[in-house]
Amino acid sequence: MSGAVTRGQARFAVALLFGVNFLNYIDRYVIAAVLPLIQQEFRLDDARAGYVLSMFVLVYMAASPFTGVMGDRWPRRYLVGSGVLLWSVATIATGFASSYHHLLLARSFIGVGEAGFGAVSPTIISDLFPKERRGRMLAFFFVAIPVGSALGYILGGAVGAHHGWRAACFLAGAPGIVLGLLAFGMVEPARGRGDGVVREEHRFELRPALELLRNRSYVLTMFGMSGMTFALGGMASWMPTFLSRVKGLSLDAANTGFGALTVGAGLIGTFLGGWLGDRLLRRTQSAYLLVSGVGMLLAIPFAYVGFTAARPEVYLPAFFVAEVLVFLNTGPANAVFVNVALPEVRATGIAMSIFVYHLLGDVPSPILIGKASVWTGSLQTALLLTLAAMAVSGAFYLSGMRTLGRDTARVQEILTEREERHAPGLHDAH
């Protein structure tokens, strides 16, 4: 497809991808909101319930490398549309589950569908906008994470309390069918457009993708993201249960309160992180990892107060500040994955990072926290594992600062060399 994209097409594509990501996280976390109801119906302890929370992420992680390669070879809008339709139908099917194993199977198909969307969407945005604006535009896309997650809690809590957990799944899954169909008609920007060069033909090669595993900035950002997803995934999965069981709130109040808190903190943190990253980029090429690392480390004491304080006027503001600081890294860290990879392997690079940071992050964290809760007899103690993960995340992000500027510049050098070597096959993308 040509590199020419109108402003209206670009805006529609970003808005559509935001909407899809918004539904993505509703579907992910509506199950956490109604988990106590599912545990009651299927008689699950915390350890087995942890598998319900982690199953879709486990399959999502395993499928992502395949969808990433597909995204670097095939039209990406087809993967987005197909993925949304599949996970929406699977969310509806979750509501029909008649046993624990049926529930796990339905959650698995949600993971397959989300893998088709997650690996390619950031690359579409990176090709629609220049790298100087990627932090902000990716922040807009990823702000759907806290907003969608929060609505998942609120929707699940309200609908689950009055109509049961199955009705919450039906309501969460239905809108995705409409957006999935719209995605098939979305603009497909030429790969490399956002970097100022467009090659009409892009041939996927495995070697440049594997070379990312020797890229220090990429690897350290991937491990930083692993620690972040361990912490955020563990908190997101168990917080409604924690607030209900330990803090004494009703399940409906726990979901509504934590959902509202996450919306506010996520909006502020994600937009602030994207703005700070792009602003500081004028002064240092390491800005994205500086914002990410400092935010994660500063979140630790606030999260500790939130877990241990007894009074809501103390623990709720503490959780709010902690979430703001954690969400600072969302846009900047994902911009790093895009900026240090060549356009033709970006979807594969993102897919490899998805595989690793879910493998080390929110696949094991709900299960480990559930098991630790059983072993220690205290969900509160088990959730302190998330603080260690925040510390690890911040350390990896800050360690990647030393080489980020060099690795980003190297990508631009290669693209410039290509432009000079293949001048007849290139045209200005802007």
Protein backbone atom coordinates (compact mmCIF):
# COMPACT_ATOMS: atom_id res chain seq x y z
CA MET A 1 0.00 0.00 0.00
CA SER A 2 1.21 3.53 -0.65
CA GLY A 3 2.90 5.53 2.09
CA ALA A 4 0.33 8.34 1.65
CA VAL A 5 -2.03 8.58 4.62
CA THR A 6 -4.41 11.47 5.24
CA ARG A 7 -4.72 13.12 8.62
CA GLY A 8 -8.28 11.86 8.92
CA GLN A 9 -7.22 8.28 8.19
CA ALA A 10 -4.46 8.48 10.79
CA ARG A 11 -6.82 9.87 13.43
CA PHE A 12 -9.46 7.24 12.68
CA ALA A 13 -6.87 4.46 12.89
CA VAL A 14 -5.54 5.65 16.26
CA ALA A 15 -9.06 6.15 17.63
CA LEU A 16 -10.09 2.68 16.46
CA LEU A 17 -6.98 1.07 17.92
CA PHE A 18 -7.61 2.90 21.19
CA GLY A 19 -11.18 1.61 21.23
CA VAL A 20 -10.05 -1.93 20.55
CA ASN A 21 -7.40 -1.73 23.27
CA PHE A 22 -10.03 -0.32 25.61
CA LEU A 23 -12.24 -3.37 25.04
CA ASN A 24 -9.17 -5.58 25.28
CA TYR A 25 -8.60 -4.60 28.90
CA ILE A 26 -12.28 -4.70 29.80
CA ASP A 27 -12.30 -8.31 28.65
CA ARG A 28 -9.10 -9.06 30.57
CA TYR A 29 -10.16 -7.67 33.93
CA VAL A 30 -13.88 -8.24 34.09
CA ILE A 31 -12.92 -11.75 35.20
CA ALA A 32 -10.86 -10.37 38.10
CA ALA A 33 -13.86 -8.32 39.21
CA VAL A 34 -16.10 -11.36 39.47
CA LEU A 35 -13.46 -13.83 40.62
CA PRO A 36 -14.94 -14.34 44.12
CA LEU A 37 -18.27 -15.25 42.48
CA ILE A 38 -16.52 -17.75 40.19
CA GLN A 39 -14.60 -19.19 43.15
CA GLN A 40 -17.86 -19.66 45.00
CA GLU A 41 -19.63 -21.39 42.09
CA PHE A 42 -16.77 -23.71 41.13
CA ARG A 43 -15.37 -24.05 44.68
CA LEU A 44 -11.87 -22.83 43.82
CA ASP A 45 -9.15 -21.93 46.28
CA ASP A 46 -6.81 -18.99 45.56
CA ALA A 47 -4.20 -21.21 43.91
CA ARG A 48 -6.64 -22.65 41.32
CA ALA A 49 -8.25 -19.24 40.85
CA GLY A 50 -4.82 -17.90 39.93
CA TYR A 51 -4.83 -20.13 36.86
CA VAL A 52 -8.14 -18.63 35.74
CA LEU A 53 -6.51 -15.20 35.87
CA SER A 54 -3.31 -16.29 34.13
CA MET A 55 -4.57 -18.69 31.46
CA PHE A 56 -5.34 -16.13 28.78
CA VAL A 57 -1.99 -14.38 29.38
CA LEU A 58 -0.16 -17.70 29.11
CA VAL A 59 -1.71 -18.44 25.70
CA TYR A 60 -1.33 -14.79 24.63
CA MET A 61 2.38 -15.03 25.41
CA ALA A 62 2.81 -18.31 23.51
CA ALA A 63 0.92 -17.12 20.41
CA SER A 64 2.56 -13.68 20.16
CA PRO A 65 5.80 -14.74 18.43
CA PHE A 66 3.76 -16.31 15.62
CA THR A 67 1.44 -13.33 15.21
CA GLY A 68 4.46 -11.01 15.34
CA VAL A 69 6.08 -12.69 12.33
CA MET A 70 2.72 -12.65 10.56
CA GLY A 71 2.44 -8.93 11.29
CA ASP A 72 5.76 -8.24 9.60
CA ARG A 73 4.72 -10.16 6.49
CA TRP A 74 0.96 -9.67 6.06
CA PRO A 75 -1.43 -6.68 6.20
CA ARG A 76 -1.68 -5.82 9.87
CA ARG A 77 -5.30 -4.68 9.81
CA TYR A 78 -6.39 -8.25 9.04
CA LEU A 79 -4.67 -9.51 12.20
CA VAL A 80 -6.28 -6.77 14.24
CA GLY A 81 -9.78 -7.46 12.92
CA SER A 82 -9.52 -11.23 13.21
CA GLY A 83 -8.03 -11.05 16.68
CA VAL A 84 -10.76 -8.76 18.02
CA LEU A 85 -13.52 -10.96 16.65
CA LEU A 86 -11.96 -14.10 18.13
CA TRP A 87 -11.42 -12.75 21.63
CA SER A 88 -14.87 -11.12 21.73
CA VAL A 89 -16.56 -14.41 20.89
CA ALA A 90 -14.35 -16.17 23.47
CA THR A 91 -15.34 -13.66 26.16
CA ILE A 92 -19.00 -14.37 25.45
CA ALA A 93 -18.21 -18.11 25.54
CA THR A 94 -16.65 -17.63 28.99
CA GLY A 95 -20.11 -16.78 30.25
CA PHE A 96 -21.38 -20.18 29.08
CA ALA A 97 -18.64 -22.17 30.88
CA SER A 98 -20.12 -25.10 32.77
CA SER A 99 -16.96 -26.26 34.53
CA TYR A 100 -13.54 -25.09 35.67
CA HIS A 101 -11.89 -26.64 32.59
CA HIS A 102 -14.38 -25.05 30.20
CA LEU A 103 -13.59 -21.73 31.83
CA LEU A 104 -9.86 -22.23 31.24
CA LEU A 105 -10.47 -23.20 27.60
CA ALA A 106 -12.51 -20.07 26.87
CA ARG A 107 -9.89 -17.89 28.53
CA SER A 108 -7.26 -19.55 26.32
CA PHE A 109 -9.01 -18.43 23.13
CA ILE A 110 -9.12 -14.88 24.47
CA GLY A 111 -5.32 -15.08 24.58
CA VAL A 112 -5.10 -16.24 20.95
CA GLY A 113 -7.27 -13.35 19.78
CA GLU A 114 -5.38 -10.74 21.75
CA ALA A 115 -2.05 -11.97 20.36
CA GLY A 116 -3.21 -11.03 16.87
CA PHE A 117 -3.83 -7.47 18.03
CA GLY A 118 -1.15 -6.81 20.63
CA ALA A 119 1.96 -7.43 18.53
CA VAL A 120 1.02 -5.25 15.56
CA SER A 121 -0.96 -2.27 16.87
CA PRO A 122 2.04 -0.28 18.21
CA THR A 123 3.80 -0.76 14.87
CA ILE A 124 0.84 0.72 12.99
CA ILE A 125 0.97 3.80 15.24
CA SER A 126 4.76 4.04 14.83
CA ASP A 127 4.29 4.16 11.04
CA LEU A 128 1.60 6.83 11.29
CA PHE A 129 3.69 9.30 13.32
CA PRO A 130 7.37 10.39 13.46
CA LYS A 131 9.54 9.15 16.31
CA GLU A 132 9.50 12.58 18.01
CA ARG A 133 5.76 12.12 18.67
CA ARG A 134 5.69 8.38 19.37
CA GLY A 135 5.86 8.68 23.14
CA ARG A 136 2.70 10.76 23.24
CA MET A 137 0.80 8.82 20.58
CA LEU A 138 1.65 5.48 22.14
CA ALA A 139 0.67 6.93 25.52
CA PHE A 140 -2.76 7.76 24.05
CA PHE A 141 -3.07 4.20 22.75
CA PHE A 142 -1.93 2.63 26.02
CA VAL A 143 -4.07 4.87 28.23
CA ALA A 144 -6.76 2.38 27.26
CA ILE A 145 -5.05 0.00 29.71
CA PRO A 146 -6.09 1.74 32.95
CA VAL A 147 -9.38 3.02 31.56
CA GLY A 148 -10.41 -0.35 30.15
CA SER A 149 -9.15 -2.22 33.21
CA ALA A 150 -11.07 0.10 35.49
CA LEU A 151 -14.27 -0.25 33.50
CA GLY A 152 -13.76 -4.01 33.61
CA TYR A 153 -13.72 -3.82 37.41
CA ILE A 154 -16.68 -1.46 37.57
CA LEU A 155 -18.72 -3.34 34.97
CA GLY A 156 -17.91 -6.71 36.51
CA GLY A 157 -18.60 -5.51 40.02
CA ALA A 158 -21.92 -3.85 39.22
CA VAL A 159 -23.29 -6.43 36.79
CA GLY A 160 -21.91 -9.36 38.76
CA ALA A 161 -23.51 -8.17 41.98
CA HIS A 162 -26.96 -7.83 40.43
CA HIS A 163 -27.05 -10.28 37.51
CA GLY A 164 -24.20 -12.72 38.11
CA TRP A 165 -20.72 -13.12 36.67
CA ARG A 166 -21.94 -14.72 33.42
CA ALA A 167 -23.93 -11.61 32.44
CA ALA A 168 -20.79 -9.50 32.95
CA CYS A 169 -18.92 -11.66 30.40
CA PHE A 170 -21.75 -11.36 27.85
CA LEU A 171 -21.83 -7.59 28.18
CA ALA A 172 -18.05 -7.23 27.94
CA GLY A 173 -17.66 -9.35 24.82
CA ALA A 174 -20.44 -8.09 22.54
CA PRO A 175 -19.06 -4.63 21.48
CA GLY A 176 -15.82 -6.12 20.18
CA ILE A 177 -17.62 -7.74 17.26
CA VAL A 178 -18.47 -4.30 15.84
CA LEU A 179 -14.95 -2.90 16.25
CA GLY A 180 -13.42 -6.06 14.83
CA LEU A 181 -15.38 -5.61 11.61
CA LEU A 182 -14.41 -1.92 11.39
CA ALA A 183 -10.72 -2.83 11.75
CA PHE A 184 -10.72 -4.63 8.40
CA GLY A 185 -11.25 -1.26 6.67
CA MET A 186 -8.59 0.62 8.65
CA VAL A 187 -5.71 2.33 6.80
CA GLU A 188 -2.51 0.26 6.45
CA PRO A 189 0.47 2.68 6.61
CA ALA A 190 3.60 1.66 4.75
CA ARG A 191 6.32 0.27 7.00
CA GLY A 192 8.95 2.92 7.71
CA ARG A 193 6.63 5.86 7.03
CA GLY A 194 7.08 7.25 10.53
CA ASP A 195 10.86 7.23 10.10
CA GLY A 196 10.69 9.38 6.99
CA VAL A 197 11.46 6.62 4.49
CA VAL A 198 9.26 4.06 2.79
CA ARG A 199 10.36 1.02 0.89
CA GLU A 200 7.53 -0.29 -1.21
CA GLU A 201 8.63 -3.87 -0.63
CA HIS A 202 9.57 -5.17 2.81
CA ARG A 203 10.93 -8.66 3.05
CA PHE A 204 10.89 -10.15 6.52
CA GLU A 205 14.25 -11.58 7.59
CA LEU A 206 14.84 -13.51 10.78
CA ARG A 207 18.39 -12.26 11.35
CA PRO A 208 17.52 -8.59 12.14
CA ALA A 209 14.81 -9.81 14.53
CA LEU A 210 17.19 -12.11 16.37
CA GLU A 211 19.79 -9.34 16.52
CA LEU A 212 17.41 -7.47 18.81
CA LEU A 213 18.25 -10.06 21.46
CA ARG A 214 21.80 -8.66 21.40
CA ASN A 215 20.55 -5.08 21.61
CA ARG A 216 21.22 -3.97 25.19
CA SER A 217 18.52 -1.30 25.28
CA TYR A 218 15.90 -3.68 23.94
CA VAL A 219 16.79 -6.51 26.34
CA LEU A 220 16.98 -4.34 29.46
CA THR A 221 13.71 -2.61 28.59
CA MET A 222 12.15 -6.04 28.11
CA PHE A 223 13.27 -7.12 31.59
CA GLY A 224 12.12 -3.80 33.04
CA MET A 225 8.72 -4.40 31.48
CA SER A 226 8.74 -7.92 32.96
CA GLY A 227 9.05 -6.54 36.49
CA MET A 228 6.36 -3.95 35.80
CA THR A 229 3.89 -6.50 34.42
CA PHE A 230 4.57 -8.84 37.36
CA ALA A 231 3.68 -6.05 39.78
CA LEU A 232 0.79 -4.56 37.84
CA GLY A 233 -0.62 -7.93 36.80
CA GLY A 234 -0.51 -9.24 40.36
CA MET A 235 -2.18 -6.14 41.77
CA ALA A 236 -4.79 -5.97 39.02
CA SER A 237 -5.75 -9.61 39.47
CA TRP A 238 -5.99 -9.67 43.26
CA MET A 239 -6.86 -6.12 44.37
CA PRO A 240 -10.67 -6.50 44.32
CA THR A 241 -10.36 -9.70 46.36
CA PHE A 242 -7.78 -8.02 48.66
CA LEU A 243 -9.94 -4.97 49.30
CA SER A 244 -12.96 -7.18 49.97
CA ARG A 245 -11.27 -9.83 52.10
CA VAL A 246 -8.63 -7.81 53.97
CA LYS A 247 -9.97 -4.26 54.02
CA GLY A 248 -13.58 -5.28 54.59
CA LEU A 249 -15.21 -3.60 51.59
CA SER A 250 -18.10 -5.21 49.76
CA LEU A 251 -17.12 -6.77 46.43
CA ASP A 252 -19.16 -4.18 44.54
CA ALA A 253 -17.53 -1.31 46.48
CA ALA A 254 -14.05 -2.84 46.07
CA ASN A 255 -14.43 -3.09 42.30
CA THR A 256 -15.98 0.35 41.92
CA GLY A 257 -13.44 2.01 44.22
CA PHE A 258 -10.38 0.35 42.71
CA GLY A 259 -11.74 0.89 39.20
CA ALA A 260 -12.27 4.61 39.76
CA LEU A 261 -8.83 4.90 41.35
CA THR A 262 -7.23 3.12 38.39
CA VAL A 263 -8.97 5.34 35.83
CA GLY A 264 -7.68 8.53 37.44
CA ALA A 265 -4.20 7.25 38.17
CA GLY A 266 -3.86 5.60 34.78
CA LEU A 267 -4.96 8.67 32.83
CA ILE A 268 -2.62 10.96 34.74
CA GLY A 269 0.32 8.57 34.80
CA THR A 270 0.13 7.43 31.18
CA PHE A 271 -0.32 10.90 29.66
CA LEU A 272 2.23 12.43 32.03
CA GLY A 273 4.77 9.72 31.21
CA GLY A 274 4.33 10.20 27.45
CA TRP A 275 4.61 13.98 27.77
CA LEU A 276 7.64 13.82 30.08
CA GLY A 277 9.39 11.30 27.87
CA ASP A 278 8.98 13.40 24.71
CA ARG A 279 9.83 16.60 26.58
CA LEU A 280 13.01 15.23 28.11
CA LEU A 281 13.97 13.66 24.78
CA ARG A 282 15.09 17.13 23.72
CA ARG A 283 17.77 16.97 26.41
CA THR A 284 18.73 13.32 26.56
CA GLN A 285 18.23 10.35 24.24
CA SER A 286 17.79 8.21 27.38
CA ALA A 287 14.65 10.10 28.46
CA TYR A 288 12.20 7.25 27.92
CA LEU A 289 14.04 4.87 30.25
CA LEU A 290 14.80 7.63 32.77
CA VAL A 291 11.08 8.37 33.19
CA SER A 292 10.24 4.67 33.33
CA GLY A 293 12.88 3.72 35.90
CA VAL A 294 12.41 6.63 38.28
CA GLY A 295 8.64 6.15 38.24
CA MET A 296 8.88 2.48 39.18
CA LEU A 297 11.27 3.09 42.09
CA LEU A 298 9.25 5.98 43.50
CA ALA A 299 6.10 3.83 43.46
CA ILE A 300 7.46 1.31 45.98
CA PRO A 301 6.96 3.21 49.28
CA PHE A 302 3.48 4.35 48.29
CA ALA A 303 2.43 0.81 47.37
CA TYR A 304 3.77 -0.48 50.70
CA VAL A 305 1.69 2.07 52.61
CA GLY A 306 -1.33 1.07 50.55
CA PHE A 307 -0.97 -2.61 51.43
CA THR A 308 -0.27 -2.12 55.12
CA ALA A 309 -2.33 0.90 56.21
CA ALA A 310 -5.64 0.17 57.94
CA ARG A 311 -7.55 3.38 57.21
CA PRO A 312 -9.05 4.03 53.74
CA GLU A 313 -8.12 7.72 53.87
CA VAL A 314 -4.50 6.53 53.96
CA TYR A 315 -4.36 3.42 51.78
CA LEU A 316 -6.54 4.70 48.91
CA PRO A 317 -4.45 7.86 48.23
CA ALA A 318 -1.28 5.77 48.60
CA PHE A 319 -2.48 3.29 45.98
CA PHE A 320 -3.45 6.19 43.74
CA VAL A 321 0.03 7.75 43.81
CA ALA A 322 1.68 4.35 43.35
CA GLU A 323 -0.40 3.65 40.25
CA VAL A 324 0.34 7.09 38.77
CA LEU A 325 4.07 6.41 39.12
CA VAL A 326 3.84 2.87 37.71
CA PHE A 327 1.85 4.03 34.67
CA LEU A 328 4.50 6.64 33.80
CA ASN A 329 6.45 3.96 31.92
CA THR A 330 3.63 2.83 29.62
CA GLY A 331 4.21 5.08 26.60
CA PRO A 332 7.98 5.60 26.96
CA ALA A 333 8.93 1.94 27.46
CA ASN A 334 6.86 0.82 24.48
CA ALA A 335 8.38 3.61 22.38
CA VAL A 336 11.81 2.14 23.14
CA PHE A 337 10.79 -1.22 21.62
CA VAL A 338 9.74 0.58 18.42
CA ASN A 339 12.68 2.98 18.17
CA VAL A 340 15.47 0.42 18.51
CA ALA A 341 14.01 -1.98 15.89
CA LEU A 342 14.03 -1.72 12.10
CA PRO A 343 10.56 -1.16 10.57
CA GLU A 344 10.38 -4.57 8.91
CA VAL A 345 10.88 -6.47 12.18
CA ARG A 346 9.07 -4.23 14.66
CA ALA A 347 6.04 -6.46 15.03
CA THR A 348 8.32 -9.44 15.61
CA GLY A 349 10.38 -7.42 18.10
CA ILE A 350 7.28 -6.39 20.02
CA ALA A 351 6.03 -9.98 19.90
CA MET A 352 9.31 -11.29 21.35
CA SER A 353 9.12 -8.73 24.13
CA ILE A 354 5.48 -9.69 24.81
CA PHE A 355 6.54 -13.32 25.11
CA VAL A 356 9.29 -12.54 27.61
CA TYR A 357 7.60 -9.95 29.79
CA HIS A 358 4.45 -12.02 30.11
CA LEU A 359 6.46 -15.20 30.73
CA LEU A 360 8.30 -13.47 33.57
CA GLY A 361 5.55 -11.05 34.55
CA ASP A 362 1.79 -11.42 34.69
CA VAL A 363 1.67 -15.09 33.75
CA PRO A 364 3.33 -16.23 36.99
CA SER A 365 2.36 -13.33 39.28
CA PRO A 366 -1.36 -14.14 39.86
CA ILE A 367 -0.47 -17.80 40.36
CA LEU A 368 2.50 -17.12 42.66
CA ILE A 369 0.54 -14.60 44.70
CA GLY A 370 -2.34 -17.06 44.98
CA LYS A 371 0.02 -19.83 46.11
CA ALA A 372 1.81 -17.49 48.52
CA SER A 373 -1.56 -16.53 49.97
CA VAL A 374 -2.29 -20.21 50.62
CA TRP A 375 1.20 -20.89 52.05
CA THR A 376 1.30 -17.86 54.35
CA GLY A 377 -2.41 -17.68 55.12
CA SER A 378 -2.32 -13.97 54.20
CA LEU A 379 -3.17 -12.39 50.87
CA GLN A 380 -1.77 -9.11 52.21
CA THR A 381 1.66 -10.68 52.76
CA ALA A 382 1.56 -12.37 49.36
CA LEU A 383 0.89 -9.09 47.57
CA LEU A 384 4.15 -7.64 48.93
CA LEU A 385 5.85 -9.65 46.17
CA THR A 386 4.79 -6.85 43.84
CA LEU A 387 7.11 -4.40 45.63
CA ALA A 388 10.17 -6.51 44.85
CA ALA A 389 9.07 -6.65 41.21
CA MET A 390 8.83 -2.84 41.08
CA ALA A 391 12.40 -2.55 42.37
CA VAL A 392 13.68 -5.01 39.76
CA SER A 393 11.80 -3.18 37.02
CA GLY A 394 13.22 0.22 37.94
CA ALA A 395 16.76 -1.14 38.11
CA PHE A 396 16.54 -2.65 34.61
CA TYR A 397 15.03 0.48 33.09
CA LEU A 398 17.78 2.70 34.52
CA SER A 399 20.48 0.25 33.44
CA GLY A 400 19.32 0.56 29.83
CA MET A 401 19.86 4.34 29.74
CA ARG A 402 23.55 4.08 28.87
CA THR A 403 23.02 2.59 25.41
CA LEU A 404 19.55 3.79 24.43
CA GLY A 405 20.74 6.87 22.49
CA ARG A 406 23.30 4.84 20.58
CA ASP A 407 20.87 2.05 19.71
CA THR A 408 18.20 4.49 18.53
CA ALA A 409 20.69 6.42 16.40
CA ARG A 410 21.93 3.20 14.82
CA VAL A 411 18.45 2.41 13.47
CA GLN A 412 18.24 5.85 11.85
CA GLU A 413 21.70 5.40 10.34
CA ILE A 414 20.66 2.13 8.72
CA LEU A 415 17.48 3.70 7.33
CA THR A 416 19.46 6.65 5.95
CA GLU A 417 21.94 4.29 4.30
CA ARG A 418 19.04 2.42 2.70
CA GLU A 419 17.53 5.65 1.44
CA GLU A 420 20.79 6.60 -0.23
CA ARG A 421 21.34 3.12 -1.66
CA HIS A 422 17.78 2.62 -2.93
CA ALA A 423 16.90 6.21 -3.78
CA PRO A 424 14.76 5.31 -6.83
CA GLY A 425 12.56 3.03 -4.69
CA LEU A 426 11.97 5.54 -1.96
CA HIS A 427 9.78 8.58 -1.56
CA ASP A 428 9.14 11.11 1.15
CA ALA A 429 6.49 9.76 3.51
CA HIS A 430 5.42 13.09 4.84
